[in-house]
Amino acid sequence: MSINLLSEILGLRKPILIPPEVEEKFSDEKLCRRCGLCCYGSVPYQGKLAIILDLPCKYLIQEGEKKNTCAIYPARHQIAKWCQGVNPKSVARGLFPNDCPYVQGIQGYQGKVLIPYQENAQFYNFLQKTFRHQPCPEYLKPSDWQKFLSLLRLAPVSQNQELAKK
């Protein structure tokens, strides 16, 4: 189960109506700013889908402060099964930031958000509890997961520990 699906089950996602003229733009790749924010892990937090900048997709390549690209872009949907293209389902899940050009014109859209710096301590405390016993997700580089756990001061969960729980 994805974290985004969990937010739907818990009622954090309200149904949205996507105007046809907005949906027509979903296939226009020129609209993408290459910010990469849709390629980071996120969790439901205080009624929003909060971006975790410490958890980028393992195929995301940072080309500068605000430009990113996908190392496997032409084959991303075959190689990275978790990759969500711009479509009505991914938009309804709020997987794109509120200022993403693909979601402009959708009334009531609530997408991924960055947590303000002032709230980082509280957010990371929440993340400690959320990720306490989680193995490395498939979409991450193991080294990024280890850095994230170190940041949270949590010991990594091995696959053997995970299997022992089952």
C-alpha atoms as a PDB file:
ATOM      1  CA  MET A   1       0.000   0.000   0.000  1.00  0.00           C
ATOM      2  CA  SER A   2       1.388   3.390  -0.897  1.00  0.00           C
ATOM      3  CA  ILE A   3       1.441   6.218   1.594  1.00  0.00           C
ATOM      4  CA  ASN A   4      -0.664   8.248  -0.822  1.00  0.00           C
ATOM      5  CA  LEU A   5      -3.349   5.534  -0.881  1.00  0.00           C
ATOM      6  CA  LEU A   6      -3.301   5.514   2.914  1.00  0.00           C
ATOM      7  CA  SER A   7      -4.091   9.225   2.920  1.00  0.00           C
ATOM      8  CA  GLU A   8      -7.080   8.523   0.675  1.00  0.00           C
ATOM      9  CA  ILE A   9      -8.363   5.777   2.971  1.00  0.00           C
ATOM     10  CA  LEU A  10      -8.026   8.058   5.989  1.00  0.00           C
ATOM     11  CA  GLY A  11     -10.083  10.707   4.224  1.00  0.00           C
ATOM     12  CA  LEU A  12      -7.285  13.223   3.778  1.00  0.00           C
ATOM     13  CA  ARG A  13      -8.009  13.457   0.058  1.00  0.00           C
ATOM     14  CA  LYS A  14     -11.169  15.074  -1.153  1.00  0.00           C
ATOM     15  CA  PRO A  15     -12.410  14.238  -4.665  1.00  0.00           C
ATOM     16  CA  ILE A  16     -11.546  16.948  -7.185  1.00  0.00           C
ATOM     17  CA  LEU A  17     -12.995  17.808 -10.557  1.00  0.00           C
ATOM     18  CA  ILE A  18     -10.383  18.188 -13.279  1.00  0.00           C
ATOM     19  CA  PRO A  19     -11.606  20.527 -16.037  1.00  0.00           C
ATOM     20  CA  PRO A  20     -11.204  18.991 -19.531  1.00  0.00           C
ATOM     21  CA  GLU A  21      -9.007  21.889 -20.679  1.00  0.00           C
ATOM     22  CA  VAL A  22      -6.594  21.181 -17.796  1.00  0.00           C
ATOM     23  CA  GLU A  23      -6.570  17.427 -18.421  1.00  0.00           C
ATOM     24  CA  GLU A  24      -5.693  18.066 -22.074  1.00  0.00           C
ATOM     25  CA  LYS A  25      -2.406  19.610 -20.885  1.00  0.00           C
ATOM     26  CA  PHE A  26      -1.285  16.489 -18.975  1.00  0.00           C
ATOM     27  CA  SER A  27       0.569  15.134 -22.022  1.00  0.00           C
ATOM     28  CA  ASP A  28       2.396  18.421 -22.753  1.00  0.00           C
ATOM     29  CA  GLU A  29       5.891  17.761 -21.416  1.00  0.00           C
ATOM     30  CA  LYS A  30       6.947  21.353 -22.111  1.00  0.00           C
ATOM     31  CA  LEU A  31       4.907  22.425 -19.072  1.00  0.00           C
ATOM     32  CA  CYS A  32       7.237  20.594 -16.687  1.00  0.00           C
ATOM     33  CA  ARG A  33       9.604  22.965 -14.850  1.00  0.00           C
ATOM     34  CA  ARG A  34      11.857  20.049 -13.874  1.00  0.00           C
ATOM     35  CA  CYS A  35      11.669  21.045 -10.224  1.00  0.00           C
ATOM     36  CA  GLY A  36      11.620  17.345  -9.281  1.00  0.00           C
ATOM     37  CA  LEU A  37       9.322  17.820  -6.285  1.00  0.00           C
ATOM     38  CA  CYS A  38       6.966  15.110  -7.528  1.00  0.00           C
ATOM     39  CA  CYS A  39       9.965  12.713  -7.425  1.00  0.00           C
ATOM     40  CA  TYR A  40      10.503  12.914  -3.658  1.00  0.00           C
ATOM     41  CA  GLY A  41       8.939  10.750  -0.988  1.00  0.00           C
ATOM     42  CA  SER A  42       6.060  12.289   0.920  1.00  0.00           C
ATOM     43  CA  VAL A  43       3.886  11.499   3.922  1.00  0.00           C
ATOM     44  CA  PRO A  44       0.529  12.708   5.195  1.00  0.00           C
ATOM     45  CA  TYR A  45       1.329  15.334   7.832  1.00  0.00           C
ATOM     46  CA  GLN A  46      -1.123  17.712   9.490  1.00  0.00           C
ATOM     47  CA  GLY A  47      -3.689  17.224   6.736  1.00  0.00           C
ATOM     48  CA  LYS A  48      -1.208  17.769   3.899  1.00  0.00           C
ATOM     49  CA  LEU A  49       1.090  15.603   1.811  1.00  0.00           C
ATOM     50  CA  ALA A  50       4.513  16.741   3.044  1.00  0.00           C
ATOM     51  CA  ILE A  51       7.589  16.385   0.842  1.00  0.00           C
ATOM     52  CA  ILE A  52      10.650  14.747   2.400  1.00  0.00           C
ATOM     53  CA  LEU A  53      13.591  16.366   0.611  1.00  0.00           C
ATOM     54  CA  ASP A  54      15.936  13.759   2.098  1.00  0.00           C
ATOM     55  CA  LEU A  55      14.185  10.996   0.103  1.00  0.00           C
ATOM     56  CA  PRO A  56      14.567  11.581  -3.663  1.00  0.00           C
ATOM     57  CA  CYS A  57      13.833   8.869  -6.210  1.00  0.00           C
ATOM     58  CA  LYS A  58      17.016   6.919  -6.902  1.00  0.00           C
ATOM     59  CA  TYR A  59      16.827   7.982 -10.562  1.00  0.00           C
ATOM     60  CA  LEU A  60      16.489  11.718  -9.900  1.00  0.00           C
ATOM     61  CA  ILE A  61      19.563  13.668 -10.992  1.00  0.00           C
ATOM     62  CA  GLN A  62      19.979  17.158  -9.575  1.00  0.00           C
ATOM     63  CA  GLU A  63      21.378  19.449 -12.261  1.00  0.00           C
ATOM     64  CA  GLY A  64      21.363  22.620 -10.247  1.00  0.00           C
ATOM     65  CA  GLU A  65      19.570  24.294  -7.412  1.00  0.00           C
ATOM     66  CA  LYS A  66      16.152  24.104  -9.058  1.00  0.00           C
ATOM     67  CA  LYS A  67      16.602  21.817 -12.084  1.00  0.00           C
ATOM     68  CA  ASN A  68      16.329  18.044 -12.069  1.00  0.00           C
ATOM     69  CA  THR A  69      16.093  15.257 -14.582  1.00  0.00           C
ATOM     70  CA  CYS A  70      15.309  11.559 -14.580  1.00  0.00           C
ATOM     71  CA  ALA A  71      18.197   9.233 -15.433  1.00  0.00           C
ATOM     72  CA  ILE A  72      15.788   6.728 -17.027  1.00  0.00           C
ATOM     73  CA  TYR A  73      13.115   9.096 -18.336  1.00  0.00           C
ATOM     74  CA  PRO A  74      12.245   7.340 -21.641  1.00  0.00           C
ATOM     75  CA  ALA A  75      11.784   3.982 -19.848  1.00  0.00           C
ATOM     76  CA  ARG A  76      10.757   5.233 -16.402  1.00  0.00           C
ATOM     77  CA  HIS A  77       7.361   3.526 -16.348  1.00  0.00           C
ATOM     78  CA  GLN A  78       8.892   0.165 -17.274  1.00  0.00           C
ATOM     79  CA  ILE A  79      11.874   0.358 -14.894  1.00  0.00           C
ATOM     80  CA  ALA A  80      10.458   2.369 -11.979  1.00  0.00           C
ATOM     81  CA  LYS A  81       7.004   0.877 -11.371  1.00  0.00           C
ATOM     82  CA  TRP A  82       6.363   3.490  -8.669  1.00  0.00           C
ATOM     83  CA  CYS A  83       6.763   6.405 -11.100  1.00  0.00           C
ATOM     84  CA  GLN A  84       3.536   8.334 -11.546  1.00  0.00           C
ATOM     85  CA  GLY A  85       2.958  10.145 -14.807  1.00  0.00           C
ATOM     86  CA  VAL A  86       0.701  13.171 -14.949  1.00  0.00           C
ATOM     87  CA  ASN A  87      -2.788  11.705 -15.219  1.00  0.00           C
ATOM     88  CA  PRO A  88      -6.164  12.162 -13.509  1.00  0.00           C
ATOM     89  CA  LYS A  89      -5.370   9.517 -10.873  1.00  0.00           C
ATOM     90  CA  SER A  90      -1.984  10.966  -9.846  1.00  0.00           C
ATOM     91  CA  VAL A  91      -3.402  14.494  -9.835  1.00  0.00           C
ATOM     92  CA  ALA A  92      -6.335  13.365  -7.673  1.00  0.00           C
ATOM     93  CA  ARG A  93      -3.810  11.899  -5.224  1.00  0.00           C
ATOM     94  CA  GLY A  94      -2.095  15.276  -4.896  1.00  0.00           C
ATOM     95  CA  LEU A  95       1.292  14.040  -6.085  1.00  0.00           C
ATOM     96  CA  PHE A  96       2.310  17.371  -7.615  1.00  0.00           C
ATOM     97  CA  PRO A  97       3.122  20.615  -5.798  1.00  0.00           C
ATOM     98  CA  ASN A  98       0.400  23.249  -5.672  1.00  0.00           C
ATOM     99  CA  ASP A  99       2.319  25.544  -8.028  1.00  0.00           C
ATOM    100  CA  CYS A 100       2.933  22.828 -10.656  1.00  0.00           C
ATOM    101  CA  PRO A 101       1.823  24.020 -14.108  1.00  0.00           C
ATOM    102  CA  TYR A 102      -0.059  20.754 -14.658  1.00  0.00           C
ATOM    103  CA  VAL A 103      -2.497  21.433 -11.803  1.00  0.00           C
ATOM    104  CA  GLN A 104      -3.142  25.133 -12.411  1.00  0.00           C
ATOM    105  CA  GLY A 105      -6.854  25.713 -12.935  1.00  0.00           C
ATOM    106  CA  ILE A 106      -8.002  22.808 -10.747  1.00  0.00           C
ATOM    107  CA  GLN A 107     -10.251  24.257  -8.075  1.00  0.00           C
ATOM    108  CA  GLY A 108      -9.556  22.845  -4.616  1.00  0.00           C
ATOM    109  CA  TYR A 109      -6.355  21.058  -5.645  1.00  0.00           C
ATOM    110  CA  GLN A 110      -4.156  20.193  -2.655  1.00  0.00           C
ATOM    111  CA  GLY A 111      -0.771  18.850  -3.623  1.00  0.00           C
ATOM    112  CA  LYS A 112       2.554  18.066  -2.041  1.00  0.00           C
ATOM    113  CA  VAL A 113       3.976  20.834   0.130  1.00  0.00           C
ATOM    114  CA  LEU A 114       7.340  21.703   1.606  1.00  0.00           C
ATOM    115  CA  ILE A 115       7.304  22.049   5.369  1.00  0.00           C
ATOM    116  CA  PRO A 116       8.475  25.510   6.490  1.00  0.00           C
ATOM    117  CA  TYR A 117      11.960  25.514   8.021  1.00  0.00           C
ATOM    118  CA  GLN A 118      10.560  26.685  11.377  1.00  0.00           C
ATOM    119  CA  GLU A 119       8.518  23.466  11.617  1.00  0.00           C
ATOM    120  CA  ASN A 120      11.374  21.083  10.734  1.00  0.00           C
ATOM    121  CA  ALA A 121      12.000  19.904  14.310  1.00  0.00           C
ATOM    122  CA  GLN A 122       8.352  18.953  14.779  1.00  0.00           C
ATOM    123  CA  PHE A 123       8.204  17.366  11.300  1.00  0.00           C
ATOM    124  CA  TYR A 124      11.340  15.285  11.871  1.00  0.00           C
ATOM    125  CA  ASN A 125       9.999  14.162  15.243  1.00  0.00           C
ATOM    126  CA  PHE A 126       6.913  12.939  13.361  1.00  0.00           C
ATOM    127  CA  LEU A 127       9.144  11.220  10.777  1.00  0.00           C
ATOM    128  CA  GLN A 128      11.048   9.413  13.551  1.00  0.00           C
ATOM    129  CA  LYS A 129       7.815   7.804  14.697  1.00  0.00           C
ATOM    130  CA  THR A 130       6.601   7.111  11.149  1.00  0.00           C
ATOM    131  CA  PHE A 131       9.790   5.456   9.897  1.00  0.00           C
ATOM    132  CA  ARG A 132      10.962   3.748  13.082  1.00  0.00           C
ATOM    133  CA  HIS A 133      10.587   0.183  11.754  1.00  0.00           C
ATOM    134  CA  GLN A 134      10.519   0.678   7.997  1.00  0.00           C
ATOM    135  CA  PRO A 135      12.863  -1.058   5.542  1.00  0.00           C
ATOM    136  CA  CYS A 136      14.360   0.887   2.640  1.00  0.00           C
ATOM    137  CA  PRO A 137      11.645   1.644   0.066  1.00  0.00           C
ATOM    138  CA  GLU A 138      12.327   0.354  -3.453  1.00  0.00           C
ATOM    139  CA  TYR A 139      12.395   3.849  -4.969  1.00  0.00           C
ATOM    140  CA  LEU A 140      15.385   4.975  -2.869  1.00  0.00           C
ATOM    141  CA  LYS A 141      19.119   4.467  -3.096  1.00  0.00           C
ATOM    142  CA  PRO A 142      20.172   2.509   0.012  1.00  0.00           C
ATOM    143  CA  SER A 143      22.765   5.232   0.731  1.00  0.00           C
ATOM    144  CA  ASP A 144      20.031   7.921   0.771  1.00  0.00           C
ATOM    145  CA  TRP A 145      17.946   5.749   3.127  1.00  0.00           C
ATOM    146  CA  GLN A 146      20.941   5.292   5.470  1.00  0.00           C
ATOM    147  CA  LYS A 147      21.578   9.056   5.505  1.00  0.00           C
ATOM    148  CA  PHE A 148      17.904   9.686   6.234  1.00  0.00           C
ATOM    149  CA  LEU A 149      17.875   7.196   9.123  1.00  0.00           C
ATOM    150  CA  SER A 150      21.079   8.749  10.474  1.00  0.00           C
ATOM    151  CA  LEU A 151      19.459  12.157  10.291  1.00  0.00           C
ATOM    152  CA  LEU A 152      16.545  10.756  12.285  1.00  0.00           C
ATOM    153  CA  ARG A 153      19.001   8.853  14.509  1.00  0.00           C
ATOM    154  CA  LEU A 154      17.280   5.524  13.795  1.00  0.00           C
ATOM    155  CA  ALA A 155      18.914   2.158  13.208  1.00  0.00           C
ATOM    156  CA  PRO A 156      18.191   0.667   9.781  1.00  0.00           C
ATOM    157  CA  VAL A 157      15.821  -2.280   9.598  1.00  0.00           C
ATOM    158  CA  SER A 158      17.358  -5.215   7.767  1.00  0.00           C
ATOM    159  CA  GLN A 159      15.317  -7.436   5.490  1.00  0.00           C
ATOM    160  CA  ASN A 160      15.903 -10.299   7.939  1.00  0.00           C
ATOM    161  CA  GLN A 161      14.372  -8.261  10.767  1.00  0.00           C
ATOM    162  CA  GLU A 162      11.425  -7.447   8.531  1.00  0.00           C
ATOM    163  CA  LEU A 163      10.906 -11.114   7.607  1.00  0.00           C
ATOM    164  CA  ALA A 164      11.132 -12.140  11.269  1.00  0.00           C
ATOM    165  CA  LYS A 165       8.164  -9.872  12.070  1.00  0.00           C
ATOM    166  CA  LYS A 166       5.944 -11.690   9.555  1.00  0.00           C
END
